[in-house]
Each structure stands twice: as structure tokens, then as C-alpha cells.
Amino acid sequence: MLSHKNLVLHKFLSNSQEVASAIGVDSSEMKVIAKPDTIEHALGLGWDIERDTFVFQSIAVKDGTRRGVLSTVASLFDPLGLLAPFSLKGKLLLQRLCYSKKGWDEPLSPNEEKEWNSWTSALSSLSSIQIPRCFLATSLCSSYETELHTFSDAITSAYGACSYIRLIDKSKGVTNVSLVMGKSRVVPRKVISIPRLELQARTEIREAEYVLLD
């Protein structure tokens, strides 16, 4: 259909030899099979081609100032919220710095610096996290039941939610559970009741359900 309109697919990427053979297009701009141990990026997410997993690369840590905290926290790109519990700690620290009206290049206080160093020291371990891209386990047959389970919670400083997909193969007695998406947000300065925050957290994760239901 694309070739009929003279639209050529460029930079196509697949880790399946079967897909590569089916395409059968010779183009210097088309990548079909990447080299082993290659990390590609799709929509900002790191993709380990050989293992077919999402990975996260270490980011540069800026100096211990309000400007440095903002730059480092903003550099952690995680659209699926797979690192939501971790990134929330950085967001909470940044919020407190904003409320305290600390200058952009003013050094952090001893307590703030201790919290900042503790959070940034854990950034290096992100490279060891690998999350399977596919929800469906190979052990499941073609006929299985699908369930979507969503959890939300809130406290006075933050709220969050997460959705899991549960695939059940009753013929084999096999169940596979995978995290679909997570969301975490800091609570604004305006006082909001806990029940309302829990409802807001539930609303934040609804987009994940829409994607799966489609």
C-alpha cells in the first residue's frame, strides 16, 4: 500500500529473521537486523534488540543546585512509568526546592544534599534493569483469557497508579502477569483530600486501559 503511493519505508527495525525475509527490500537506509548487544531507541525508550527488552541508560548528574536537580530529573525520560517509584523521589525534592524559593544556583542544604546524593547514587543501577517488551509469554497457547488490574493510592505529598495485564492459559494452568504502565505525580500546594487524590491517580492510568481495550 505504501509503495503504491510511492512512500518508501526507511529505518525499519526488527529483531525477527522471519520479518526480515518477508520484507525483502534492499535499501541502505533500512535496518532490519541489528548487531548483537545493540541498544536502539524507539520513542525515547532503549530497546535491547537481542533480548527484546526495554533498558535504561545512565544519565549525567548535574551539580547540587536547584538548576542541577531540575536538569537531572527532567533527563529521566520514562513515558511508560516503569521507573515511577524511583523518579518520584527526585520530583518531590525538586518541588520542595521550588516552594522554598531557593535560588537556581544556590547550594542545597546539608539535609537536601544528603537526599540528593542518595537519589543520584542509585541512577547508575538503572542500566541493570531490563523489562520484557512483550506481555505474552511464549509458554501460553493461542487461546487465553485477559484481565486488566489497576491499583491506585495517594498520600499527602504524592499519588500514583499502575496497571497490570494478567494472561491466563487454563489449558496449561499457566498465568503470566506483566506491568503495563505506571504513573506518579506530586501533590500541588493546594490542599486536596486523600479520596480525591486517589480518584485522580485512577484517572491518570486510564490511558493504559484504553490502549489495551482497543
N, C-alpha and C. Protein backbone atom coordinates (compact mmCIF):
# COMPACT_ATOMS: atom_id res chain seq x y z
N MET A 1 0.83 -1.21 0.00
CA MET A 1 0.00 0.00 0.00
C MET A 1 0.87 1.26 0.00
N LEU A 2 1.97 1.23 0.78
CA LEU A 2 2.85 2.38 0.82
C LEU A 2 3.59 2.57 -0.51
N SER A 3 4.04 1.48 -1.10
CA SER A 3 4.76 1.59 -2.37
C SER A 3 3.84 2.07 -3.49
N HIS A 4 2.56 1.75 -3.41
CA HIS A 4 1.59 2.21 -4.41
C HIS A 4 1.51 3.73 -4.42
N LYS A 5 1.73 4.34 -3.27
CA LYS A 5 1.72 5.81 -3.16
C LYS A 5 3.13 6.40 -3.19
N ASN A 6 4.10 5.56 -3.57
CA ASN A 6 5.50 6.00 -3.64
C ASN A 6 6.05 6.49 -2.29
N LEU A 7 5.61 5.83 -1.22
CA LEU A 7 6.13 6.12 0.13
C LEU A 7 7.03 4.96 0.54
N VAL A 8 8.31 5.25 0.66
CA VAL A 8 9.29 4.20 0.95
C VAL A 8 9.54 4.14 2.45
N LEU A 9 9.47 2.94 3.01
CA LEU A 9 9.76 2.75 4.43
C LEU A 9 11.26 2.90 4.67
N HIS A 10 11.62 3.76 5.60
CA HIS A 10 13.02 3.97 5.93
C HIS A 10 13.27 3.63 7.39
N LYS A 11 14.49 3.18 7.66
CA LYS A 11 14.94 2.92 9.02
C LYS A 11 13.99 1.98 9.76
N PHE A 12 13.52 0.97 9.07
CA PHE A 12 12.68 -0.05 9.67
C PHE A 12 13.56 -0.99 10.48
N LEU A 13 13.13 -1.35 11.67
CA LEU A 13 13.96 -2.16 12.57
C LEU A 13 13.17 -3.35 13.08
N SER A 14 13.77 -4.52 12.99
CA SER A 14 13.14 -5.73 13.50
C SER A 14 14.22 -6.67 14.00
N ASN A 15 13.89 -7.44 15.03
CA ASN A 15 14.84 -8.45 15.53
C ASN A 15 14.40 -9.85 15.12
N SER A 16 13.48 -9.92 14.15
CA SER A 16 12.97 -11.20 13.67
C SER A 16 13.51 -11.48 12.27
N GLN A 17 14.19 -12.62 12.09
CA GLN A 17 14.69 -13.00 10.78
C GLN A 17 13.55 -13.27 9.82
N GLU A 18 12.43 -13.78 10.37
CA GLU A 18 11.26 -14.05 9.53
C GLU A 18 10.71 -12.77 8.92
N VAL A 19 10.66 -11.71 9.73
CA VAL A 19 10.21 -10.42 9.22
C VAL A 19 11.19 -9.87 8.19
N ALA A 20 12.47 -10.02 8.46
CA ALA A 20 13.48 -9.52 7.54
C ALA A 20 13.36 -10.20 6.18
N SER A 21 13.11 -11.51 6.19
CA SER A 21 12.98 -12.23 4.93
C SER A 21 11.71 -11.84 4.18
N ALA A 22 10.66 -11.56 4.93
CA ALA A 22 9.38 -11.21 4.31
C ALA A 22 9.43 -9.84 3.65
N ILE A 23 10.23 -8.92 4.21
CA ILE A 23 10.31 -7.58 3.64
C ILE A 23 11.04 -7.62 2.30
N GLY A 24 12.24 -8.19 2.30
CA GLY A 24 12.96 -8.38 1.06
C GLY A 24 13.26 -7.12 0.30
N VAL A 25 13.54 -6.03 0.99
CA VAL A 25 13.83 -4.76 0.33
C VAL A 25 15.30 -4.43 0.53
N ASP A 26 15.98 -4.13 -0.56
CA ASP A 26 17.39 -3.73 -0.49
C ASP A 26 17.48 -2.22 -0.42
N SER A 27 17.85 -1.71 0.74
CA SER A 27 17.97 -0.27 0.91
C SER A 27 19.05 0.02 1.93
N SER A 28 19.90 0.96 1.61
CA SER A 28 20.98 1.32 2.52
C SER A 28 20.45 2.02 3.76
N GLU A 29 19.22 2.53 3.70
CA GLU A 29 18.65 3.25 4.83
C GLU A 29 17.70 2.39 5.65
N MET A 30 17.61 1.12 5.31
CA MET A 30 16.71 0.24 6.05
C MET A 30 17.50 -0.71 6.93
N LYS A 31 17.27 -0.65 8.23
CA LYS A 31 17.91 -1.54 9.18
C LYS A 31 16.91 -2.61 9.57
N VAL A 32 17.23 -3.85 9.26
CA VAL A 32 16.30 -4.94 9.54
C VAL A 32 16.75 -5.74 10.75
N ILE A 33 17.99 -6.14 10.77
CA ILE A 33 18.53 -6.89 11.89
C ILE A 33 19.72 -6.12 12.45
N ALA A 34 19.65 -5.78 13.70
CA ALA A 34 20.74 -5.03 14.33
C ALA A 34 21.82 -6.01 14.80
N LYS A 35 22.99 -5.47 15.04
CA LYS A 35 24.08 -6.28 15.54
C LYS A 35 23.79 -6.73 16.97
N PRO A 36 24.34 -7.86 17.40
CA PRO A 36 24.13 -8.32 18.78
C PRO A 36 24.59 -7.27 19.79
N ASP A 37 23.91 -7.24 20.91
CA ASP A 37 24.22 -6.32 22.01
C ASP A 37 24.05 -4.85 21.60
N THR A 38 23.19 -4.62 20.62
CA THR A 38 22.92 -3.26 20.18
C THR A 38 21.70 -2.71 20.89
N ILE A 39 21.83 -1.49 21.38
CA ILE A 39 20.70 -0.82 22.02
C ILE A 39 20.19 0.24 21.06
N GLU A 40 18.97 0.07 20.62
CA GLU A 40 18.33 1.06 19.75
C GLU A 40 17.35 1.87 20.58
N HIS A 41 16.91 3.00 20.05
CA HIS A 41 15.97 3.85 20.76
C HIS A 41 14.71 4.05 19.92
N ALA A 42 13.57 3.79 20.52
CA ALA A 42 12.28 3.97 19.87
C ALA A 42 11.41 4.82 20.77
N LEU A 43 11.06 6.00 20.29
CA LEU A 43 10.22 6.93 21.06
C LEU A 43 10.86 7.22 22.42
N GLY A 44 12.17 7.31 22.46
CA GLY A 44 12.87 7.65 23.68
C GLY A 44 13.19 6.48 24.59
N LEU A 45 12.67 5.30 24.27
CA LEU A 45 12.93 4.12 25.10
C LEU A 45 14.09 3.32 24.53
N GLY A 46 14.96 2.85 25.41
CA GLY A 46 16.05 1.99 24.98
C GLY A 46 15.55 0.59 24.74
N TRP A 47 15.95 -0.02 23.60
CA TRP A 47 15.48 -1.36 23.24
C TRP A 47 16.68 -2.25 22.99
N ASP A 48 16.83 -3.28 23.82
CA ASP A 48 17.87 -4.28 23.62
C ASP A 48 17.36 -5.25 22.56
N ILE A 49 17.96 -5.21 21.36
CA ILE A 49 17.45 -5.97 20.23
C ILE A 49 17.49 -7.46 20.48
N GLU A 50 18.63 -7.95 20.96
CA GLU A 50 18.82 -9.39 21.10
C GLU A 50 17.91 -9.97 22.18
N ARG A 51 17.79 -9.31 23.31
CA ARG A 51 16.98 -9.83 24.41
C ARG A 51 15.52 -9.37 24.33
N ASP A 52 15.21 -8.44 23.45
CA ASP A 52 13.87 -7.90 23.27
C ASP A 52 13.32 -7.35 24.59
N THR A 53 14.11 -6.50 25.21
CA THR A 53 13.72 -5.90 26.48
C THR A 53 13.92 -4.39 26.44
N PHE A 54 13.16 -3.68 27.25
CA PHE A 54 13.37 -2.25 27.45
C PHE A 54 14.49 -2.06 28.46
N VAL A 55 15.40 -1.15 28.17
CA VAL A 55 16.52 -0.88 29.08
C VAL A 55 16.62 0.62 29.31
N PHE A 56 17.33 0.97 30.36
CA PHE A 56 17.51 2.37 30.72
C PHE A 56 19.00 2.65 30.85
N GLN A 57 19.41 3.74 30.26
CA GLN A 57 20.81 4.11 30.31
C GLN A 57 21.04 5.17 31.38
N SER A 58 22.23 5.17 31.93
CA SER A 58 22.57 6.15 32.96
C SER A 58 22.56 7.56 32.37
N ILE A 59 22.17 8.51 33.18
CA ILE A 59 22.12 9.90 32.73
C ILE A 59 23.15 10.71 33.51
N ALA A 60 23.52 11.83 32.93
CA ALA A 60 24.52 12.69 33.57
C ALA A 60 23.91 13.40 34.77
N VAL A 61 24.62 13.40 35.88
CA VAL A 61 24.16 14.05 37.11
C VAL A 61 24.74 15.45 37.17
N LYS A 62 23.88 16.42 37.35
CA LYS A 62 24.33 17.81 37.44
C LYS A 62 24.71 18.16 38.88
N ASP A 63 25.16 19.40 39.07
CA ASP A 63 25.59 19.81 40.40
C ASP A 63 24.41 19.93 41.35
N GLY A 64 24.73 19.97 42.64
CA GLY A 64 23.70 20.02 43.67
C GLY A 64 23.10 21.38 43.89
N THR A 65 22.40 21.89 42.90
CA THR A 65 21.65 23.14 42.99
C THR A 65 20.25 22.90 42.47
N ARG A 66 19.39 23.88 42.64
CA ARG A 66 18.03 23.74 42.13
C ARG A 66 18.04 23.55 40.61
N ARG A 67 18.93 24.25 39.92
CA ARG A 67 19.05 24.09 38.48
C ARG A 67 19.53 22.68 38.12
N GLY A 68 20.50 22.18 38.88
CA GLY A 68 21.02 20.85 38.62
C GLY A 68 19.99 19.76 38.89
N VAL A 69 19.20 19.93 39.95
CA VAL A 69 18.15 18.96 40.27
C VAL A 69 17.12 18.92 39.15
N LEU A 70 16.69 20.09 38.69
CA LEU A 70 15.70 20.16 37.61
C LEU A 70 16.23 19.50 36.34
N SER A 71 17.48 19.78 35.99
CA SER A 71 18.05 19.22 34.77
C SER A 71 18.16 17.70 34.84
N THR A 72 18.57 17.19 35.99
CA THR A 72 18.74 15.74 36.13
C THR A 72 17.41 15.03 36.14
N VAL A 73 16.44 15.54 36.90
CA VAL A 73 15.11 14.91 36.96
C VAL A 73 14.44 14.92 35.59
N ALA A 74 14.58 16.03 34.87
CA ALA A 74 13.95 16.14 33.55
C ALA A 74 14.62 15.24 32.52
N SER A 75 15.86 14.84 32.77
CA SER A 75 16.59 13.98 31.82
C SER A 75 16.13 12.53 31.90
N LEU A 76 15.40 12.18 32.95
CA LEU A 76 14.96 10.80 33.13
C LEU A 76 13.65 10.61 32.34
N PHE A 77 13.78 10.17 31.09
CA PHE A 77 12.62 10.01 30.21
C PHE A 77 12.02 8.62 30.40
N ASP A 78 10.78 8.57 30.84
CA ASP A 78 10.14 7.29 31.16
C ASP A 78 8.65 7.39 30.85
N PRO A 79 8.25 7.35 29.56
CA PRO A 79 6.84 7.55 29.19
C PRO A 79 5.90 6.48 29.71
N LEU A 80 6.38 5.26 29.94
CA LEU A 80 5.53 4.18 30.43
C LEU A 80 5.46 4.14 31.95
N GLY A 81 6.22 4.97 32.62
CA GLY A 81 6.19 4.99 34.07
C GLY A 81 6.77 3.75 34.71
N LEU A 82 7.70 3.10 34.03
CA LEU A 82 8.31 1.88 34.57
C LEU A 82 9.23 2.20 35.75
N LEU A 83 9.70 3.45 35.81
CA LEU A 83 10.57 3.88 36.91
C LEU A 83 9.85 4.87 37.83
N ALA A 84 8.53 4.87 37.81
CA ALA A 84 7.74 5.85 38.55
C ALA A 84 8.09 5.93 40.03
N PRO A 85 8.24 4.82 40.75
CA PRO A 85 8.58 4.92 42.18
C PRO A 85 9.93 5.60 42.41
N PHE A 86 10.87 5.39 41.49
CA PHE A 86 12.19 5.97 41.64
C PHE A 86 12.20 7.46 41.28
N SER A 87 11.61 7.80 40.14
CA SER A 87 11.62 9.19 39.68
C SER A 87 10.82 10.11 40.61
N LEU A 88 9.84 9.54 41.32
CA LEU A 88 9.01 10.35 42.21
C LEU A 88 9.83 11.01 43.31
N LYS A 89 10.86 10.33 43.80
CA LYS A 89 11.69 10.89 44.87
C LYS A 89 12.41 12.15 44.39
N GLY A 90 12.89 12.12 43.15
CA GLY A 90 13.53 13.31 42.60
C GLY A 90 12.55 14.45 42.40
N LYS A 91 11.34 14.13 41.99
CA LYS A 91 10.32 15.15 41.78
C LYS A 91 9.91 15.81 43.11
N LEU A 92 9.83 15.02 44.17
CA LEU A 92 9.46 15.57 45.48
C LEU A 92 10.53 16.53 45.99
N LEU A 93 11.79 16.18 45.79
CA LEU A 93 12.87 17.07 46.20
C LEU A 93 12.82 18.36 45.40
N LEU A 94 12.59 18.26 44.11
CA LEU A 94 12.51 19.45 43.26
C LEU A 94 11.34 20.34 43.68
N GLN A 95 10.22 19.74 44.04
CA GLN A 95 9.07 20.53 44.47
C GLN A 95 9.37 21.30 45.75
N ARG A 96 10.05 20.66 46.69
CA ARG A 96 10.39 21.34 47.93
C ARG A 96 11.35 22.51 47.67
N LEU A 97 12.28 22.34 46.75
CA LEU A 97 13.20 23.42 46.42
C LEU A 97 12.46 24.60 45.79
N CYS A 98 11.46 24.29 44.98
CA CYS A 98 10.68 25.37 44.36
C CYS A 98 9.86 26.12 45.39
N TYR A 99 9.25 25.40 46.33
CA TYR A 99 8.43 26.04 47.36
C TYR A 99 9.28 26.87 48.32
N SER A 100 10.52 26.45 48.52
CA SER A 100 11.39 27.19 49.44
C SER A 100 11.98 28.44 48.81
N LYS A 101 11.69 28.63 47.50
CA LYS A 101 12.19 29.78 46.74
C LYS A 101 13.72 29.87 46.78
N LYS A 102 14.34 28.71 46.80
CA LYS A 102 15.80 28.66 46.76
C LYS A 102 16.29 29.13 45.38
N GLY A 103 17.37 29.88 45.34
CA GLY A 103 17.91 30.37 44.08
C GLY A 103 18.33 29.24 43.16
N TRP A 104 18.34 29.52 41.86
CA TRP A 104 18.65 28.49 40.88
C TRP A 104 20.05 27.91 41.07
N ASP A 105 21.00 28.72 41.44
CA ASP A 105 22.37 28.25 41.60
C ASP A 105 22.83 28.23 43.05
N GLU A 106 21.88 28.31 43.96
CA GLU A 106 22.19 28.27 45.39
C GLU A 106 22.42 26.83 45.83
N PRO A 107 23.49 26.55 46.58
CA PRO A 107 23.77 25.18 47.02
C PRO A 107 22.65 24.63 47.90
N LEU A 108 22.50 23.32 47.89
CA LEU A 108 21.50 22.66 48.72
C LEU A 108 21.94 22.66 50.18
N SER A 109 20.95 22.58 51.06
CA SER A 109 21.26 22.46 52.48
C SER A 109 21.84 21.08 52.75
N PRO A 110 22.48 20.86 53.90
CA PRO A 110 23.06 19.54 54.20
C PRO A 110 22.06 18.40 54.08
N ASN A 111 20.83 18.57 54.60
CA ASN A 111 19.82 17.51 54.50
C ASN A 111 19.38 17.28 53.06
N GLU A 112 19.21 18.37 52.32
CA GLU A 112 18.81 18.26 50.92
C GLU A 112 19.91 17.61 50.10
N GLU A 113 21.16 17.98 50.39
CA GLU A 113 22.28 17.39 49.66
C GLU A 113 22.42 15.91 49.94
N LYS A 114 22.16 15.51 51.18
CA LYS A 114 22.22 14.09 51.53
C LYS A 114 21.15 13.31 50.76
N GLU A 115 19.95 13.86 50.70
CA GLU A 115 18.87 13.20 49.96
C GLU A 115 19.19 13.16 48.47
N TRP A 116 19.76 14.25 47.96
CA TRP A 116 20.10 14.32 46.54
C TRP A 116 21.20 13.31 46.18
N ASN A 117 22.22 13.20 47.01
CA ASN A 117 23.30 12.25 46.76
C ASN A 117 22.81 10.81 46.82
N SER A 118 21.89 10.54 47.74
CA SER A 118 21.33 9.20 47.85
C SER A 118 20.55 8.82 46.60
N TRP A 119 19.79 9.79 46.06
CA TRP A 119 18.98 9.52 44.86
C TRP A 119 19.86 9.37 43.62
N THR A 120 20.83 10.26 43.47
CA THR A 120 21.68 10.21 42.28
C THR A 120 22.61 8.99 42.27
N SER A 121 22.99 8.53 43.45
CA SER A 121 23.87 7.35 43.51
C SER A 121 23.16 6.11 42.98
N ALA A 122 21.82 6.11 43.06
CA ALA A 122 21.05 4.97 42.56
C ALA A 122 20.82 5.03 41.05
N LEU A 123 21.14 6.18 40.43
CA LEU A 123 20.94 6.30 38.99
C LEU A 123 21.79 5.31 38.20
N SER A 124 22.98 5.02 38.71
CA SER A 124 23.88 4.12 38.00
C SER A 124 23.32 2.70 37.89
N SER A 125 22.44 2.33 38.82
CA SER A 125 21.89 0.97 38.80
C SER A 125 20.76 0.81 37.79
N LEU A 126 20.31 1.92 37.18
CA LEU A 126 19.22 1.83 36.21
C LEU A 126 19.61 1.01 34.99
N SER A 127 20.89 1.03 34.66
CA SER A 127 21.36 0.30 33.47
C SER A 127 21.22 -1.22 33.64
N SER A 128 21.06 -1.69 34.87
CA SER A 128 20.92 -3.13 35.10
C SER A 128 19.46 -3.60 35.00
N ILE A 129 18.53 -2.67 34.85
CA ILE A 129 17.10 -3.02 34.77
C ILE A 129 16.75 -3.39 33.33
N GLN A 130 16.12 -4.53 33.17
CA GLN A 130 15.63 -4.97 31.87
C GLN A 130 14.19 -5.45 32.01
N ILE A 131 13.31 -4.89 31.20
CA ILE A 131 11.88 -5.21 31.28
C ILE A 131 11.44 -5.80 29.95
N PRO A 132 10.88 -7.01 29.94
CA PRO A 132 10.45 -7.63 28.67
C PRO A 132 9.47 -6.74 27.92
N ARG A 133 9.69 -6.61 26.62
CA ARG A 133 8.81 -5.76 25.81
C ARG A 133 7.46 -6.43 25.56
N CYS A 134 7.47 -7.75 25.43
CA CYS A 134 6.25 -8.48 25.09
C CYS A 134 5.50 -8.89 26.35
N PHE A 135 4.20 -8.65 26.38
CA PHE A 135 3.36 -9.08 27.51
C PHE A 135 3.10 -10.58 27.48
N LEU A 136 3.06 -11.14 26.29
CA LEU A 136 2.64 -12.53 26.11
C LEU A 136 3.82 -13.47 26.27
N ALA A 137 3.74 -14.37 27.23
CA ALA A 137 4.81 -15.36 27.43
C ALA A 137 4.72 -16.45 26.36
N THR A 138 5.87 -16.97 25.96
CA THR A 138 5.89 -18.00 24.91
C THR A 138 5.25 -19.30 25.37
N SER A 139 5.10 -19.48 26.68
CA SER A 139 4.52 -20.73 27.19
C SER A 139 3.01 -20.76 27.04
N LEU A 140 2.39 -19.62 26.74
CA LEU A 140 0.94 -19.58 26.60
C LEU A 140 0.53 -20.03 25.20
N CYS A 141 -0.63 -20.68 25.12
CA CYS A 141 -1.15 -21.10 23.82
C CYS A 141 -1.88 -19.93 23.16
N SER A 142 -2.47 -20.18 22.01
CA SER A 142 -3.14 -19.11 21.28
C SER A 142 -4.47 -18.71 21.91
N SER A 143 -5.00 -19.55 22.79
CA SER A 143 -6.28 -19.26 23.43
C SER A 143 -6.04 -18.99 24.92
N TYR A 144 -6.28 -17.76 25.34
CA TYR A 144 -6.06 -17.40 26.74
C TYR A 144 -7.01 -16.27 27.13
N GLU A 145 -7.22 -16.13 28.43
CA GLU A 145 -8.07 -15.07 28.95
C GLU A 145 -7.20 -13.88 29.36
N THR A 146 -7.77 -12.69 29.22
CA THR A 146 -7.03 -11.47 29.53
C THR A 146 -7.76 -10.69 30.62
N GLU A 147 -7.02 -10.29 31.63
CA GLU A 147 -7.56 -9.45 32.70
C GLU A 147 -6.66 -8.24 32.88
N LEU A 148 -7.27 -7.12 33.22
CA LEU A 148 -6.50 -5.90 33.48
C LEU A 148 -6.78 -5.47 34.92
N HIS A 149 -5.73 -5.35 35.71
CA HIS A 149 -5.86 -4.99 37.12
C HIS A 149 -5.16 -3.65 37.36
N THR A 150 -5.88 -2.70 37.92
CA THR A 150 -5.35 -1.37 38.16
C THR A 150 -5.40 -1.05 39.64
N PHE A 151 -4.31 -0.49 40.15
CA PHE A 151 -4.21 -0.13 41.56
C PHE A 151 -3.83 1.35 41.65
N SER A 152 -4.41 2.05 42.60
CA SER A 152 -4.07 3.45 42.81
C SER A 152 -4.03 3.75 44.31
N ASP A 153 -3.22 4.72 44.67
CA ASP A 153 -3.09 5.10 46.07
C ASP A 153 -2.58 6.53 46.13
N ALA A 154 -2.72 7.14 47.29
CA ALA A 154 -2.29 8.53 47.45
C ALA A 154 -1.92 8.80 48.90
N ILE A 155 -0.99 9.74 49.07
CA ILE A 155 -0.65 10.28 50.38
C ILE A 155 -0.69 11.80 50.27
N THR A 156 -0.35 12.49 51.31
CA THR A 156 -0.47 13.95 51.30
C THR A 156 0.53 14.61 50.35
N SER A 157 1.62 13.92 50.01
CA SER A 157 2.65 14.53 49.17
C SER A 157 2.66 14.02 47.73
N ALA A 158 2.07 12.86 47.46
CA ALA A 158 2.12 12.29 46.12
C ALA A 158 0.98 11.28 45.93
N TYR A 159 0.74 10.96 44.67
CA TYR A 159 -0.23 9.93 44.35
C TYR A 159 0.25 9.18 43.11
N GLY A 160 -0.24 7.96 42.95
CA GLY A 160 0.21 7.16 41.81
C GLY A 160 -0.72 6.01 41.53
N ALA A 161 -0.50 5.37 40.39
CA ALA A 161 -1.33 4.24 39.98
C ALA A 161 -0.51 3.36 39.05
N CYS A 162 -0.92 2.12 38.92
CA CYS A 162 -0.26 1.20 38.00
C CYS A 162 -1.28 0.19 37.49
N SER A 163 -1.03 -0.31 36.28
CA SER A 163 -1.90 -1.31 35.66
C SER A 163 -1.08 -2.53 35.27
N TYR A 164 -1.64 -3.70 35.57
CA TYR A 164 -1.02 -4.96 35.21
C TYR A 164 -1.96 -5.74 34.29
N ILE A 165 -1.39 -6.42 33.30
CA ILE A 165 -2.17 -7.30 32.46
C ILE A 165 -1.91 -8.74 32.89
N ARG A 166 -2.98 -9.49 33.07
CA ARG A 166 -2.90 -10.88 33.54
C ARG A 166 -3.45 -11.80 32.45
N LEU A 167 -2.59 -12.64 31.93
CA LEU A 167 -2.95 -13.57 30.86
C LEU A 167 -3.02 -14.97 31.43
N ILE A 168 -4.15 -15.64 31.24
CA ILE A 168 -4.41 -16.94 31.86
C ILE A 168 -4.64 -18.00 30.78
N ASP A 169 -3.82 -19.03 30.80
CA ASP A 169 -3.98 -20.19 29.92
C ASP A 169 -4.48 -21.35 30.76
N LYS A 170 -5.79 -21.56 30.77
CA LYS A 170 -6.38 -22.58 31.63
C LYS A 170 -6.03 -23.99 31.16
N SER A 171 -5.78 -24.16 29.88
CA SER A 171 -5.47 -25.49 29.37
C SER A 171 -4.13 -26.00 29.91
N LYS A 172 -3.19 -25.09 30.15
CA LYS A 172 -1.88 -25.47 30.68
C LYS A 172 -1.70 -25.10 32.14
N GLY A 173 -2.68 -24.36 32.69
CA GLY A 173 -2.55 -23.92 34.07
C GLY A 173 -1.44 -22.91 34.26
N VAL A 174 -1.23 -22.06 33.24
CA VAL A 174 -0.16 -21.08 33.26
C VAL A 174 -0.75 -19.68 33.33
N THR A 175 -0.18 -18.83 34.19
CA THR A 175 -0.61 -17.43 34.32
C THR A 175 0.60 -16.53 34.18
N ASN A 176 0.47 -15.49 33.38
CA ASN A 176 1.55 -14.55 33.16
C ASN A 176 1.07 -13.14 33.50
N VAL A 177 1.83 -12.43 34.34
CA VAL A 177 1.47 -11.07 34.77
C VAL A 177 2.57 -10.11 34.37
N SER A 178 2.20 -8.99 33.74
CA SER A 178 3.18 -8.01 33.28
C SER A 178 2.69 -6.60 33.62
N LEU A 179 3.63 -5.75 33.97
CA LEU A 179 3.31 -4.34 34.21
C LEU A 179 3.10 -3.64 32.88
N VAL A 180 1.98 -2.95 32.75
CA VAL A 180 1.65 -2.22 31.52
C VAL A 180 2.14 -0.79 31.59
N MET A 181 1.76 -0.10 32.65
CA MET A 181 2.10 1.31 32.78
C MET A 181 1.98 1.74 34.23
N GLY A 182 2.79 2.70 34.61
CA GLY A 182 2.69 3.29 35.94
C GLY A 182 2.67 4.80 35.83
N LYS A 183 2.11 5.44 36.82
CA LYS A 183 2.05 6.91 36.85
C LYS A 183 2.30 7.37 38.28
N SER A 184 3.05 8.45 38.42
CA SER A 184 3.25 9.05 39.74
C SER A 184 3.28 10.56 39.58
N ARG A 185 2.67 11.26 40.51
CA ARG A 185 2.59 12.70 40.47
C ARG A 185 2.79 13.26 41.87
N VAL A 186 3.39 14.44 41.94
CA VAL A 186 3.48 15.13 43.22
C VAL A 186 2.19 15.91 43.44
N VAL A 187 1.81 16.08 44.69
CA VAL A 187 0.57 16.78 45.02
C VAL A 187 0.81 18.29 44.96
N PRO A 188 -0.04 19.04 44.30
CA PRO A 188 0.13 20.50 44.26
C PRO A 188 -0.02 21.13 45.63
N ARG A 189 0.34 22.37 45.73
CA ARG A 189 0.35 23.04 47.03
C ARG A 189 -1.07 23.20 47.58
N LYS A 190 -2.04 23.32 46.69
CA LYS A 190 -3.42 23.45 47.13
C LYS A 190 -3.86 22.18 47.85
N VAL A 191 -4.51 22.34 49.00
CA VAL A 191 -4.92 21.20 49.81
C VAL A 191 -6.00 20.40 49.08
N ILE A 192 -5.74 19.09 48.90
CA ILE A 192 -6.69 18.19 48.26
C ILE A 192 -6.87 16.98 49.15
N SER A 193 -8.11 16.51 49.30
CA SER A 193 -8.38 15.38 50.16
C SER A 193 -7.77 14.10 49.58
N ILE A 194 -7.45 13.15 50.45
CA ILE A 194 -6.87 11.88 50.03
C ILE A 194 -7.79 11.12 49.07
N PRO A 195 -9.12 11.00 49.35
CA PRO A 195 -10.00 10.31 48.40
C PRO A 195 -9.99 10.93 47.01
N ARG A 196 -9.91 12.26 46.96
CA ARG A 196 -9.88 12.92 45.66
C ARG A 196 -8.55 12.64 44.93
N LEU A 197 -7.46 12.59 45.68
CA LEU A 197 -6.17 12.27 45.08
C LEU A 197 -6.16 10.83 44.55
N GLU A 198 -6.79 9.91 45.29
CA GLU A 198 -6.86 8.53 44.82
C GLU A 198 -7.67 8.43 43.53
N LEU A 199 -8.73 9.22 43.44
CA LEU A 199 -9.53 9.26 42.22
C LEU A 199 -8.72 9.85 41.07
N GLN A 200 -7.93 10.89 41.36
CA GLN A 200 -7.08 11.49 40.34
C GLN A 200 -6.03 10.50 39.84
N ALA A 201 -5.47 9.71 40.75
CA ALA A 201 -4.50 8.70 40.36
C ALA A 201 -5.14 7.66 39.44
N ARG A 202 -6.37 7.31 39.73
CA ARG A 202 -7.11 6.36 38.88
C ARG A 202 -7.32 6.93 37.48
N THR A 203 -7.57 8.22 37.39
CA THR A 203 -7.77 8.87 36.10
C THR A 203 -6.48 8.91 35.29
N GLU A 204 -5.34 9.09 35.96
CA GLU A 204 -4.06 9.19 35.28
C GLU A 204 -3.72 7.92 34.51
N ILE A 205 -4.11 6.77 35.03
CA ILE A 205 -3.73 5.49 34.44
C ILE A 205 -4.74 5.01 33.41
N ARG A 206 -5.83 5.72 33.23
CA ARG A 206 -6.90 5.25 32.35
C ARG A 206 -6.44 5.11 30.91
N GLU A 207 -5.46 5.91 30.48
CA GLU A 207 -5.00 5.83 29.10
C GLU A 207 -4.42 4.46 28.78
N ALA A 208 -3.80 3.83 29.78
CA ALA A 208 -3.26 2.49 29.56
C ALA A 208 -4.37 1.50 29.27
N GLU A 209 -5.50 1.65 29.94
CA GLU A 209 -6.62 0.76 29.73
C GLU A 209 -7.22 0.96 28.34
N TYR A 210 -7.28 2.20 27.89
CA TYR A 210 -7.80 2.48 26.56
C TYR A 210 -6.96 1.80 25.49
N VAL A 211 -5.64 1.82 25.66
CA VAL A 211 -4.74 1.20 24.68
C VAL A 211 -4.98 -0.31 24.62
N LEU A 212 -5.12 -0.95 25.78
CA LEU A 212 -5.29 -2.39 25.81
C LEU A 212 -6.66 -2.81 25.32
N LEU A 213 -7.68 -2.05 25.66
CA LEU A 213 -9.03 -2.40 25.25
C LEU A 213 -9.20 -2.26 23.74
N ASP A 214 -8.46 -1.33 23.13
CA ASP A 214 -8.53 -1.19 21.68
C ASP A 214 -7.94 -2.41 20.99
